[in-house]
PDB file of N, CA and C in Angstrom:
ATOM      1  N   MET A   1     -93.120-109.235-127.239  1.00  0.00           N
ATOM      2  CA  MET A   1     -91.973-108.072-126.688  1.00  0.00           C
ATOM      3  C   MET A   1     -92.025-107.816-128.107  1.00  0.00           C
ATOM      4  N   LYS A   2     -91.674-106.180-127.827  1.00  0.00           N
ATOM      5  CA  LYS A   2     -91.554-105.437-128.658  1.00  0.00           C
ATOM      6  C   LYS A   2     -90.000-104.441-128.113  1.00  0.00           C
ATOM      7  N   ALA A   3     -89.552-104.409-129.138  1.00  0.00           N
ATOM      8  CA  ALA A   3     -87.895-103.122-129.140  1.00  0.00           C
ATOM      9  C   ALA A   3     -88.495-102.193-129.957  1.00  0.00           C
ATOM     10  N   ALA A   4     -87.702-101.235-129.497  1.00  0.00           N
ATOM     11  CA  ALA A   4     -87.948 -99.638-129.908  1.00  0.00           C
ATOM     12  C   ALA A   4     -87.102 -99.062-130.040  1.00  0.00           C
ATOM     13  N   MET A   5     -86.496 -98.033-130.870  1.00  0.00           N
ATOM     14  CA  MET A   5     -86.075 -96.949-131.273  1.00  0.00           C
ATOM     15  C   MET A   5     -86.470 -95.393-130.410  1.00  0.00           C
ATOM     16  N   ILE A   6     -86.536 -95.157-129.481  1.00  0.00           N
ATOM     17  CA  ILE A   6     -87.384 -93.483-128.975  1.00  0.00           C
ATOM     18  C   ILE A   6     -86.589 -92.612-129.432  1.00  0.00           C
ATOM     19  N   PHE A   7     -87.174 -91.679-130.428  1.00  0.00           N
ATOM     20  CA  PHE A   7     -86.284 -90.110-130.408  1.00  0.00           C
ATOM     21  C   PHE A   7     -86.548 -89.320-129.481  1.00  0.00           C
ATOM     22  N   THR A   8     -86.164 -88.744-128.389  1.00  0.00           N
ATOM     23  CA  THR A   8     -86.590 -88.086-127.391  1.00  0.00           C
ATOM     24  C   THR A   8     -85.561 -86.427-127.939  1.00  0.00           C
ATOM     25  N   GLY A   9     -86.200 -85.505-127.041  1.00  0.00           N
ATOM     26  CA  GLY A   9     -85.443 -84.535-126.810  1.00  0.00           C
ATOM     27  C   GLY A   9     -83.977 -84.549-126.422  1.00  0.00           C
ATOM     28  N   SER A  10     -83.412 -85.350-125.791  1.00  0.00           N
ATOM     29  CA  SER A  10     -82.246 -85.270-125.724  1.00  0.00           C
ATOM     30  C   SER A  10     -81.159 -86.625-126.111  1.00  0.00           C
ATOM     31  N   GLY A  11     -82.311 -87.086-127.037  1.00  0.00           N
ATOM     32  CA  GLY A  11     -81.840 -88.014-128.676  1.00  0.00           C
ATOM     33  C   GLY A  11     -82.408 -89.308-128.397  1.00  0.00           C
ATOM     34  N   PRO A  12     -81.618 -90.375-128.765  1.00  0.00           N
ATOM     35  CA  PRO A  12     -82.607 -91.421-129.263  1.00  0.00           C
ATOM     36  C   PRO A  12     -82.121 -92.430-127.843  1.00  0.00           C
ATOM     37  N   ILE A  13     -82.840 -93.499-127.514  1.00  0.00           N
ATOM     38  CA  ILE A  13     -82.718 -94.413-126.545  1.00  0.00           C
ATOM     39  C   ILE A  13     -83.456 -95.519-126.975  1.00  0.00           C
ATOM     40  N   LEU A  14     -83.273 -97.063-126.465  1.00  0.00           N
ATOM     41  CA  LEU A  14     -83.804 -97.962-126.801  1.00  0.00           C
ATOM     42  C   LEU A  14     -84.401 -98.634-126.084  1.00  0.00           C
ATOM     43  N   VAL A  15     -85.712 -99.207-125.983  1.00  0.00           N
ATOM     44  CA  VAL A  15     -86.300-100.142-124.831  1.00  0.00           C
ATOM     45  C   VAL A  15     -86.468-101.486-125.508  1.00  0.00           C
ATOM     46  N   LEU A  16     -87.191-101.986-124.407  1.00  0.00           N
ATOM     47  CA  LEU A  16     -87.849-103.052-124.821  1.00  0.00           C
ATOM     48  C   LEU A  16     -89.351-103.101-123.988  1.00  0.00           C
ATOM     49  N   THR A  17     -90.335-103.461-124.457  1.00  0.00           N
ATOM     50  CA  THR A  17     -91.387-103.486-123.957  1.00  0.00           C
ATOM     51  C   THR A  17     -92.288-104.978-124.192  1.00  0.00           C
ATOM     52  N   THR A  18     -93.288-105.183-123.161  1.00  0.00           N
ATOM     53  CA  THR A  18     -94.167-106.104-123.478  1.00  0.00           C
ATOM     54  C   THR A  18     -95.922-105.576-123.712  1.00  0.00           C
ATOM     55  N   PHE A  19     -95.404-104.163-124.378  1.00  0.00           N
ATOM     56  CA  PHE A  19     -96.991-103.511-124.806  1.00  0.00           C
ATOM     57  C   PHE A  19     -97.177-104.142-126.032  1.00  0.00           C
ATOM     58  N   GLU A  20     -98.521-104.486-126.456  1.00  0.00           N
ATOM     59  CA  GLU A  20     -98.634-104.805-127.928  1.00  0.00           C
ATOM     60  C   GLU A  20     -98.699-103.518-128.886  1.00  0.00           C
ATOM     61  N   SER A  21     -98.433-102.678-128.496  1.00  0.00           N
ATOM     62  CA  SER A  21     -98.489-101.594-129.788  1.00  0.00           C
ATOM     63  C   SER A  21     -97.223-100.168-128.834  1.00  0.00           C
ATOM     64  N   LEU A  22     -96.870 -99.909-129.614  1.00  0.00           N
ATOM     65  CA  LEU A  22     -96.123 -98.625-129.511  1.00  0.00           C
ATOM     66  C   LEU A  22     -97.406 -96.844-129.382  1.00  0.00           C
ATOM     67  N   GLU A  23     -98.408 -97.308-129.450  1.00  0.00           N
ATOM     68  CA  GLU A  23     -99.050 -96.271-129.360  1.00  0.00           C
ATOM     69  C   GLU A  23    -100.057 -96.647-128.189  1.00  0.00           C
ATOM     70  N   ASP A  24     -99.883 -97.944-127.549  1.00  0.00           N
ATOM     71  CA  ASP A  24    -100.571 -97.664-126.596  1.00  0.00           C
ATOM     72  C   ASP A  24    -100.719 -96.896-125.310  1.00  0.00           C
ATOM     73  N   ALA A  25    -101.883 -96.411-124.680  1.00  0.00           N
ATOM     74  CA  ALA A  25    -101.882 -95.733-123.646  1.00  0.00           C
ATOM     75  C   ALA A  25    -101.077 -96.218-122.647  1.00  0.00           C
ATOM     76  N   GLY A  26    -100.791 -97.160-121.705  1.00  0.00           N
ATOM     77  CA  GLY A  26     -99.889 -97.463-121.006  1.00  0.00           C
ATOM     78  C   GLY A  26     -98.523 -97.768-121.434  1.00  0.00           C
ATOM     79  N   PHE A  27     -97.794 -97.611-122.360  1.00  0.00           N
ATOM     80  CA  PHE A  27     -96.911 -97.835-122.895  1.00  0.00           C
ATOM     81  C   PHE A  27     -96.312 -96.089-122.896  1.00  0.00           C
ATOM     82  N   ILE A  28     -97.307 -95.232-123.210  1.00  0.00           N
ATOM     83  CA  ILE A  28     -96.938 -93.403-123.203  1.00  0.00           C
ATOM     84  C   ILE A  28     -97.065 -92.902-121.863  1.00  0.00           C
ATOM     85  N   GLU A  29     -97.539 -93.806-121.162  1.00  0.00           N
ATOM     86  CA  GLU A  29     -97.534 -93.513-119.743  1.00  0.00           C
ATOM     87  C   GLU A  29     -96.712 -93.719-118.786  1.00  0.00           C
ATOM     88  N   ARG A  30     -96.052 -94.796-119.676  1.00  0.00           N
ATOM     89  CA  ARG A  30     -94.755 -95.255-118.872  1.00  0.00           C
ATOM     90  C   ARG A  30     -92.988 -94.381-119.758  1.00  0.00           C
ATOM     91  N   LEU A  31     -93.399 -94.095-120.526  1.00  0.00           N
ATOM     92  CA  LEU A  31     -92.572 -93.400-121.003  1.00  0.00           C
ATOM     93  C   LEU A  31     -93.081 -90.972-120.491  1.00  0.00           C
ATOM     94  N   ASN A  32     -94.315 -91.054-120.287  1.00  0.00           N
ATOM     95  CA  ASN A  32     -93.982 -89.935-119.495  1.00  0.00           C
ATOM     96  C   ASN A  32     -93.686 -89.822-117.707  1.00  0.00           C
ATOM     97  N   ALA A  33     -93.797 -91.234-117.158  1.00  0.00           N
ATOM     98  CA  ALA A  33     -93.105 -90.890-116.090  1.00  0.00           C
ATOM     99  C   ALA A  33     -91.607 -90.989-116.011  1.00  0.00           C
ATOM    100  N   ARG A  34     -91.089 -91.438-117.121  1.00  0.00           N
ATOM    101  CA  ARG A  34     -89.596 -91.076-117.211  1.00  0.00           C
ATOM    102  C   ARG A  34     -89.296 -89.889-117.781  1.00  0.00           C
ATOM    103  N   GLY A  35     -90.104 -89.225-117.704  1.00  0.00           N
ATOM    104  CA  GLY A  35     -89.808 -87.573-118.304  1.00  0.00           C
ATOM    105  C   GLY A  35     -90.079 -87.349-119.868  1.00  0.00           C
ATOM    106  N   ILE A  36     -90.462 -88.771-120.674  1.00  0.00           N
ATOM    107  CA  ILE A  36     -90.932 -88.354-122.293  1.00  0.00           C
ATOM    108  C   ILE A  36     -91.894 -88.432-122.351  1.00  0.00           C
ATOM    109  N   ALA A  37     -92.522 -86.853-123.040  1.00  0.00           N
ATOM    110  CA  ALA A  37     -93.839 -86.513-122.864  1.00  0.00           C
ATOM    111  C   ALA A  37     -93.856 -86.798-124.590  1.00  0.00           C
ATOM    112  N   LYS A  38     -92.969 -86.178-125.237  1.00  0.00           N
ATOM    113  CA  LYS A  38     -92.934 -86.131-127.340  1.00  0.00           C
ATOM    114  C   LYS A  38     -91.695 -86.653-127.225  1.00  0.00           C
ATOM    115  N   PHE A  39     -92.005 -88.064-128.362  1.00  0.00           N
ATOM    116  CA  PHE A  39     -91.324 -88.400-129.145  1.00  0.00           C
ATOM    117  C   PHE A  39     -91.485 -88.788-130.219  1.00  0.00           C
ATOM    118  N   ILE A  40     -90.632 -89.668-131.008  1.00  0.00           N
ATOM    119  CA  ILE A  40     -90.770 -90.182-132.152  1.00  0.00           C
ATOM    120  C   ILE A  40     -90.340 -91.286-132.083  1.00  0.00           C
ATOM    121  N   ALA A  41     -91.291 -92.778-132.579  1.00  0.00           N
ATOM    122  CA  ALA A  41     -90.550 -94.112-131.890  1.00  0.00           C
ATOM    123  C   ALA A  41     -90.653 -95.258-133.084  1.00  0.00           C
ATOM    124  N   HIS A  42     -89.905 -95.953-133.057  1.00  0.00           N
ATOM    125  CA  HIS A  42     -90.112 -96.790-134.371  1.00  0.00           C
ATOM    126  C   HIS A  42     -89.743 -98.435-134.070  1.00  0.00           C
ATOM    127  N   GLU A  43     -90.112 -99.383-134.048  1.00  0.00           N
ATOM    128  CA  GLU A  43     -89.788-100.536-133.979  1.00  0.00           C
ATOM    129  C   GLU A  43     -88.868-101.286-134.290  1.00  0.00           C
ATOM    130  N   VAL A  44     -87.992-101.953-134.121  1.00  0.00           N
ATOM    131  CA  VAL A  44     -86.609-102.645-134.431  1.00  0.00           C
ATOM    132  C   VAL A  44     -86.795-104.246-133.957  1.00  0.00           C
ATOM    133  N   SER A  45     -85.956-104.863-134.603  1.00  0.00           N
ATOM    134  CA  SER A  45     -85.915-106.159-134.209  1.00  0.00           C
ATOM    135  C   SER A  45     -85.369-106.479-133.131  1.00  0.00           C
ATOM    136  N   VAL A  46     -86.122-107.368-132.313  1.00  0.00           N
ATOM    137  CA  VAL A  46     -85.969-107.699-131.282  1.00  0.00           C
ATOM    138  C   VAL A  46     -84.775-108.891-131.499  1.00  0.00           C
ATOM    139  N   GLU A  47     -84.557-109.672-132.397  1.00  0.00           N
ATOM    140  CA  GLU A  47     -83.299-110.570-132.315  1.00  0.00           C
ATOM    141  C   GLU A  47     -82.630-109.611-132.784  1.00  0.00           C
ATOM    142  N   LYS A  48     -82.240-108.838-133.356  1.00  0.00           N
ATOM    143  CA  LYS A  48     -81.066-107.678-133.776  1.00  0.00           C
ATOM    144  C   LYS A  48     -80.448-107.321-132.339  1.00  0.00           C
ATOM    145  N   VAL A  49     -81.898-106.674-131.549  1.00  0.00           N
ATOM    146  CA  VAL A  49     -81.127-106.285-130.302  1.00  0.00           C
ATOM    147  C   VAL A  49     -80.517-107.560-129.777  1.00  0.00           C
ATOM    148  N   LYS A  50     -81.277-108.243-129.648  1.00  0.00           N
ATOM    149  CA  LYS A  50     -80.679-109.570-128.926  1.00  0.00           C
ATOM    150  C   LYS A  50     -79.307-110.347-129.377  1.00  0.00           C
ATOM    151  N   LYS A  51     -79.139-109.990-130.102  1.00  0.00           N
ATOM    152  CA  LYS A  51     -77.816-110.396-131.222  1.00  0.00           C
ATOM    153  C   LYS A  51     -76.724-109.032-130.450  1.00  0.00           C
ATOM    154  N   GLN A  52     -77.103-108.138-130.648  1.00  0.00           N
ATOM    155  CA  GLN A  52     -76.006-106.812-130.424  1.00  0.00           C
ATOM    156  C   GLN A  52     -76.222-106.446-128.927  1.00  0.00           C
ATOM    157  N   TYR A  53     -76.573-106.886-128.146  1.00  0.00           N
ATOM    158  CA  TYR A  53     -76.298-106.396-126.433  1.00  0.00           C
ATOM    159  C   TYR A  53     -76.516-108.097-125.869  1.00  0.00           C
ATOM    160  N   GLY A  54     -76.477-109.141-126.855  1.00  0.00           N
ATOM    161  CA  GLY A  54     -75.905-110.619-125.777  1.00  0.00           C
ATOM    162  C   GLY A  54     -76.670-110.180-124.370  1.00  0.00           C
ATOM    163  N   THR A  55     -75.914-110.647-122.635  1.00  0.00           N
ATOM    164  CA  THR A  55     -75.694-110.579-121.750  1.00  0.00           C
ATOM    165  C   THR A  55     -76.744-109.504-121.319  1.00  0.00           C
ATOM    166  N   ARG A  56     -76.474-108.201-121.942  1.00  0.00           N
ATOM    167  CA  ARG A  56     -76.936-107.184-121.240  1.00  0.00           C
ATOM    168  C   ARG A  56     -78.615-107.351-121.564  1.00  0.00           C
ATOM    169  N   PHE A  57     -79.010-107.817-122.973  1.00  0.00           N
ATOM    170  CA  PHE A  57     -80.407-108.414-123.190  1.00  0.00           C
ATOM    171  C   PHE A  57     -80.883-109.296-122.363  1.00  0.00           C
ATOM    172  N   SER A  58     -80.345-110.224-122.164  1.00  0.00           N
ATOM    173  CA  SER A  58     -80.775-111.447-120.814  1.00  0.00           C
ATOM    174  C   SER A  58     -81.171-110.986-119.719  1.00  0.00           C
ATOM    175  N   VAL A  59     -80.455-109.848-119.035  1.00  0.00           N
ATOM    176  CA  VAL A  59     -80.522-109.626-118.026  1.00  0.00           C
ATOM    177  C   VAL A  59     -82.123-108.865-118.003  1.00  0.00           C
ATOM    178  N   ILE A  60     -82.281-107.502-119.115  1.00  0.00           N
ATOM    179  CA  ILE A  60     -82.917-106.759-119.369  1.00  0.00           C
ATOM    180  C   ILE A  60     -84.262-107.077-119.306  1.00  0.00           C
ATOM    181  N   LEU A  61     -83.958-108.746-120.019  1.00  0.00           N
ATOM    182  CA  LEU A  61     -85.377-109.129-120.424  1.00  0.00           C
ATOM    183  C   LEU A  61     -85.696-110.264-119.494  1.00  0.00           C
ATOM    184  N   GLY A  62     -85.039-110.795-118.433  1.00  0.00           N
ATOM    185  CA  GLY A  62     -84.607-110.871-116.895  1.00  0.00           C
ATOM    186  C   GLY A  62     -85.636-110.030-116.136  1.00  0.00           C
ATOM    187  N   ASP A  63     -85.458-108.895-116.277  1.00  0.00           N
ATOM    188  CA  ASP A  63     -86.250-107.863-115.539  1.00  0.00           C
ATOM    189  C   ASP A  63     -87.641-107.633-115.587  1.00  0.00           C
ATOM    190  N   LEU A  64     -88.167-107.985-117.096  1.00  0.00           N
ATOM    191  CA  LEU A  64     -89.277-107.698-117.607  1.00  0.00           C
ATOM    192  C   LEU A  64     -90.114-108.296-117.426  1.00  0.00           C
ATOM    193  N   SER A  65     -91.539-107.634-117.014  1.00  0.00           N
ATOM    194  CA  SER A  65     -92.252-108.310-116.449  1.00  0.00           C
ATOM    195  C   SER A  65     -93.240-109.152-117.642  1.00  0.00           C
ATOM    196  N   GLN A  66     -94.299-109.784-116.928  1.00  0.00           N
ATOM    197  CA  GLN A  66     -94.789-110.642-118.376  1.00  0.00           C
ATOM    198  C   GLN A  66     -96.019-109.817-119.037  1.00  0.00           C
ATOM    199  N   SER A  67     -96.537-108.205-118.537  1.00  0.00           N
ATOM    200  CA  SER A  67     -97.474-107.659-119.370  1.00  0.00           C
ATOM    201  C   SER A  67     -97.298-106.289-118.845  1.00  0.00           C
ATOM    202  N   ASP A  68     -97.302-105.346-119.970  1.00  0.00           N
ATOM    203  CA  ASP A  68     -97.586-103.788-119.234  1.00  0.00           C
ATOM    204  C   ASP A  68     -96.387-103.327-118.774  1.00  0.00           C
ATOM    205  N   ASP A  69     -95.567-103.673-119.679  1.00  0.00           N
ATOM    206  CA  ASP A  69     -93.717-103.157-118.209  1.00  0.00           C
ATOM    207  C   ASP A  69     -92.889-102.797-119.564  1.00  0.00           C
ATOM    208  N   LEU A  70     -91.927-101.796-119.328  1.00  0.00           N
ATOM    209  CA  LEU A  70     -91.464-101.144-120.309  1.00  0.00           C
ATOM    210  C   LEU A  70     -89.635-100.983-119.826  1.00  0.00           C
ATOM    211  N   ARG A  71     -88.523-101.489-120.541  1.00  0.00           N
ATOM    212  CA  ARG A  71     -87.426-101.303-119.773  1.00  0.00           C
ATOM    213  C   ARG A  71     -86.720-100.784-120.750  1.00  0.00           C
ATOM    214  N   VAL A  72     -85.558 -99.749-120.027  1.00  0.00           N
ATOM    215  CA  VAL A  72     -84.749 -98.764-120.582  1.00  0.00           C
ATOM    216  C   VAL A  72     -83.421-100.053-121.457  1.00  0.00           C
ATOM    217  N   MET A  73     -83.363-100.090-122.972  1.00  0.00           N
ATOM    218  CA  MET A  73     -82.020-101.110-122.829  1.00  0.00           C
ATOM    219  C   MET A  73     -80.608-100.697-122.886  1.00  0.00           C
ATOM    220  N   ASP A  74     -81.254 -99.110-123.326  1.00  0.00           N
ATOM    221  CA  ASP A  74     -79.681 -97.989-123.785  1.00  0.00           C
ATOM    222  C   ASP A  74     -79.926 -96.947-123.972  1.00  0.00           C
ATOM    223  N   ILE A  75     -79.456 -96.256-123.299  1.00  0.00           N
ATOM    224  CA  ILE A  75     -79.496 -94.160-123.238  1.00  0.00           C
ATOM    225  C   ILE A  75     -78.042 -93.692-124.034  1.00  0.00           C
ATOM    226  N   ASP A  76     -77.169 -94.427-124.647  1.00  0.00           N
ATOM    227  CA  ASP A  76     -76.431 -93.812-125.478  1.00  0.00           C
ATOM    228  C   ASP A  76     -76.701 -93.403-126.956  1.00  0.00           C
ATOM    229  N   GLY A  77     -77.601 -92.586-126.770  1.00  0.00           N
ATOM    230  CA  GLY A  77     -77.739 -91.912-127.803  1.00  0.00           C
ATOM    231  C   GLY A  77     -76.680 -92.279-129.178  1.00  0.00           C
ATOM    232  N   HIS A  78     -76.001 -91.645-129.217  1.00  0.00           N
ATOM    233  CA  HIS A  78     -74.942 -92.306-130.730  1.00  0.00           C
ATOM    234  C   HIS A  78     -74.940 -93.615-130.701  1.00  0.00           C
ATOM    235  N   HIS A  79     -74.576 -94.453-129.794  1.00  0.00           N
ATOM    236  CA  HIS A  79     -74.510 -95.530-130.028  1.00  0.00           C
ATOM    237  C   HIS A  79     -76.118 -96.445-130.378  1.00  0.00           C
ATOM    238  N   VAL A  80     -77.039 -95.754-129.687  1.00  0.00           N
ATOM    239  CA  VAL A  80     -78.240 -96.124-130.125  1.00  0.00           C
ATOM    240  C   VAL A  80     -78.863 -96.367-131.810  1.00  0.00           C
ATOM    241  N   PHE A  81     -78.643 -94.551-132.349  1.00  0.00           N
ATOM    242  CA  PHE A  81     -78.830 -94.531-132.966  1.00  0.00           C
ATOM    243  C   PHE A  81     -77.879 -95.033-133.971  1.00  0.00           C
ATOM    244  N   HIS A  82     -76.365 -95.076-133.910  1.00  0.00           N
ATOM    245  CA  HIS A  82     -75.481 -96.201-134.991  1.00  0.00           C
ATOM    246  C   HIS A  82     -75.417 -97.308-135.029  1.00  0.00           C
ATOM    247  N   SER A  83     -76.254 -97.814-134.127  1.00  0.00           N
ATOM    248  CA  SER A  83     -77.177 -99.369-134.045  1.00  0.00           C
ATOM    249  C   SER A  83     -77.728-100.038-135.292  1.00  0.00           C
ATOM    250  N   PHE A  84     -78.757 -99.451-135.735  1.00  0.00           N
ATOM    251  CA  PHE A  84     -79.742 -99.408-136.942  1.00  0.00           C
ATOM    252  C   PHE A  84     -80.051 -98.737-138.432  1.00  0.00           C
ATOM    253  N   ALA A  85     -79.544 -99.140-139.319  1.00  0.00           N
ATOM    254  CA  ALA A  85     -79.738 -98.874-140.073  1.00  0.00           C
ATOM    255  C   ALA A  85     -81.373 -98.246-140.714  1.00  0.00           C
ATOM    256  N   PHE A  86     -81.482 -97.320-141.153  1.00  0.00           N
ATOM    257  CA  PHE A  86     -82.775 -96.770-141.491  1.00  0.00           C
ATOM    258  C   PHE A  86     -83.906 -97.331-141.814  1.00  0.00           C
ATOM    259  N   ASP A  87     -83.336 -98.495-142.771  1.00  0.00           N
ATOM    260  CA  ASP A  87     -84.459 -99.650-143.440  1.00  0.00           C
ATOM    261  C   ASP A  87     -84.874-100.591-143.018  1.00  0.00           C
ATOM    262  N   GLU A  88     -83.895-100.640-141.169  1.00  0.00           N
ATOM    263  CA  GLU A  88     -84.067-101.334-140.431  1.00  0.00           C
ATOM    264  C   GLU A  88     -85.692-101.218-139.296  1.00  0.00           C
ATOM    265  N   LEU A  89     -85.936 -99.483-139.333  1.00  0.00           N
ATOM    266  CA  LEU A  89     -86.938 -98.648-138.491  1.00  0.00           C
ATOM    267  C   LEU A  89     -88.014 -99.405-139.014  1.00  0.00           C
ATOM    268  N   GLY A  90     -89.012 -99.485-138.383  1.00  0.00           N
ATOM    269  CA  GLY A  90     -90.637 -99.716-138.429  1.00  0.00           C
ATOM    270  C   GLY A  90     -90.957 -98.525-138.572  1.00  0.00           C
ATOM    271  N   PRO A  91     -92.019 -98.534-138.956  1.00  0.00           N
ATOM    272  CA  PRO A  91     -92.778 -97.181-139.350  1.00  0.00           C
ATOM    273  C   PRO A  91     -93.196 -96.020-138.123  1.00  0.00           C
ATOM    274  N   ALA A  92     -92.762 -94.797-138.103  1.00  0.00           N
ATOM    275  CA  ALA A  92     -92.425 -93.524-137.057  1.00  0.00           C
ATOM    276  C   ALA A  92     -94.100 -93.986-136.595  1.00  0.00           C
ATOM    277  N   VAL A  93     -94.584 -93.395-135.219  1.00  0.00           N
ATOM    278  CA  VAL A  93     -95.406 -93.530-134.610  1.00  0.00           C
ATOM    279  C   VAL A  93     -94.842 -92.246-133.702  1.00  0.00           C
ATOM    280  N   TYR A  94     -95.913 -90.477-134.057  1.00  0.00           N
ATOM    281  CA  TYR A  94     -95.376 -89.640-133.250  1.00  0.00           C
ATOM    282  C   TYR A  94     -96.196 -89.229-131.880  1.00  0.00           C
ATOM    283  N   HIS A  95     -95.755 -88.923-130.761  1.00  0.00           N
ATOM    284  CA  HIS A  95     -96.481 -88.629-129.775  1.00  0.00           C
ATOM    285  C   HIS A  95     -95.692 -87.547-129.302  1.00  0.00           C
ATOM    286  N   PRO A  96     -96.470 -86.102-129.201  1.00  0.00           N
ATOM    287  CA  PRO A  96     -98.473 -85.752-129.506  1.00  0.00           C
ATOM    288  C   PRO A  96     -98.609 -85.852-131.112  1.00  0.00           C
ATOM    289  N   LYS A  97     -99.436 -86.454-131.446  1.00  0.00           N
ATOM    290  CA  LYS A  97    -100.017 -86.746-133.263  1.00  0.00           C
ATOM    291  C   LYS A  97     -99.986 -85.288-134.354  1.00  0.00           C
ATOM    292  N   HIS A  98     -99.821 -84.203-133.131  1.00  0.00           N
ATOM    293  CA  HIS A  98     -99.943 -82.939-133.496  1.00  0.00           C
ATOM    294  C   HIS A  98     -98.998 -81.919-132.822  1.00  0.00           C
TER     295      HIS A  98
END
């Protein structure tokens, strides 16, 4: 499982996913299905998300399928943005790449 901060046109969101990569075509399809066609994504620590969100993390995790799935953890862009220091963000993934 991975956790990711996704910067979208309307602000950052936090997601949990079972996809192996934030560049996986299936992951991108799932975001497209939610109306997110252009984004910048950064992997973040699942442990930090678990600690910060507590019970909500457990509820969302319980709803996450074993494979090829995506769940939105937080849509409050202000909260998501201020929950992680820049040095806690993994390398940027850009979509589309150009």
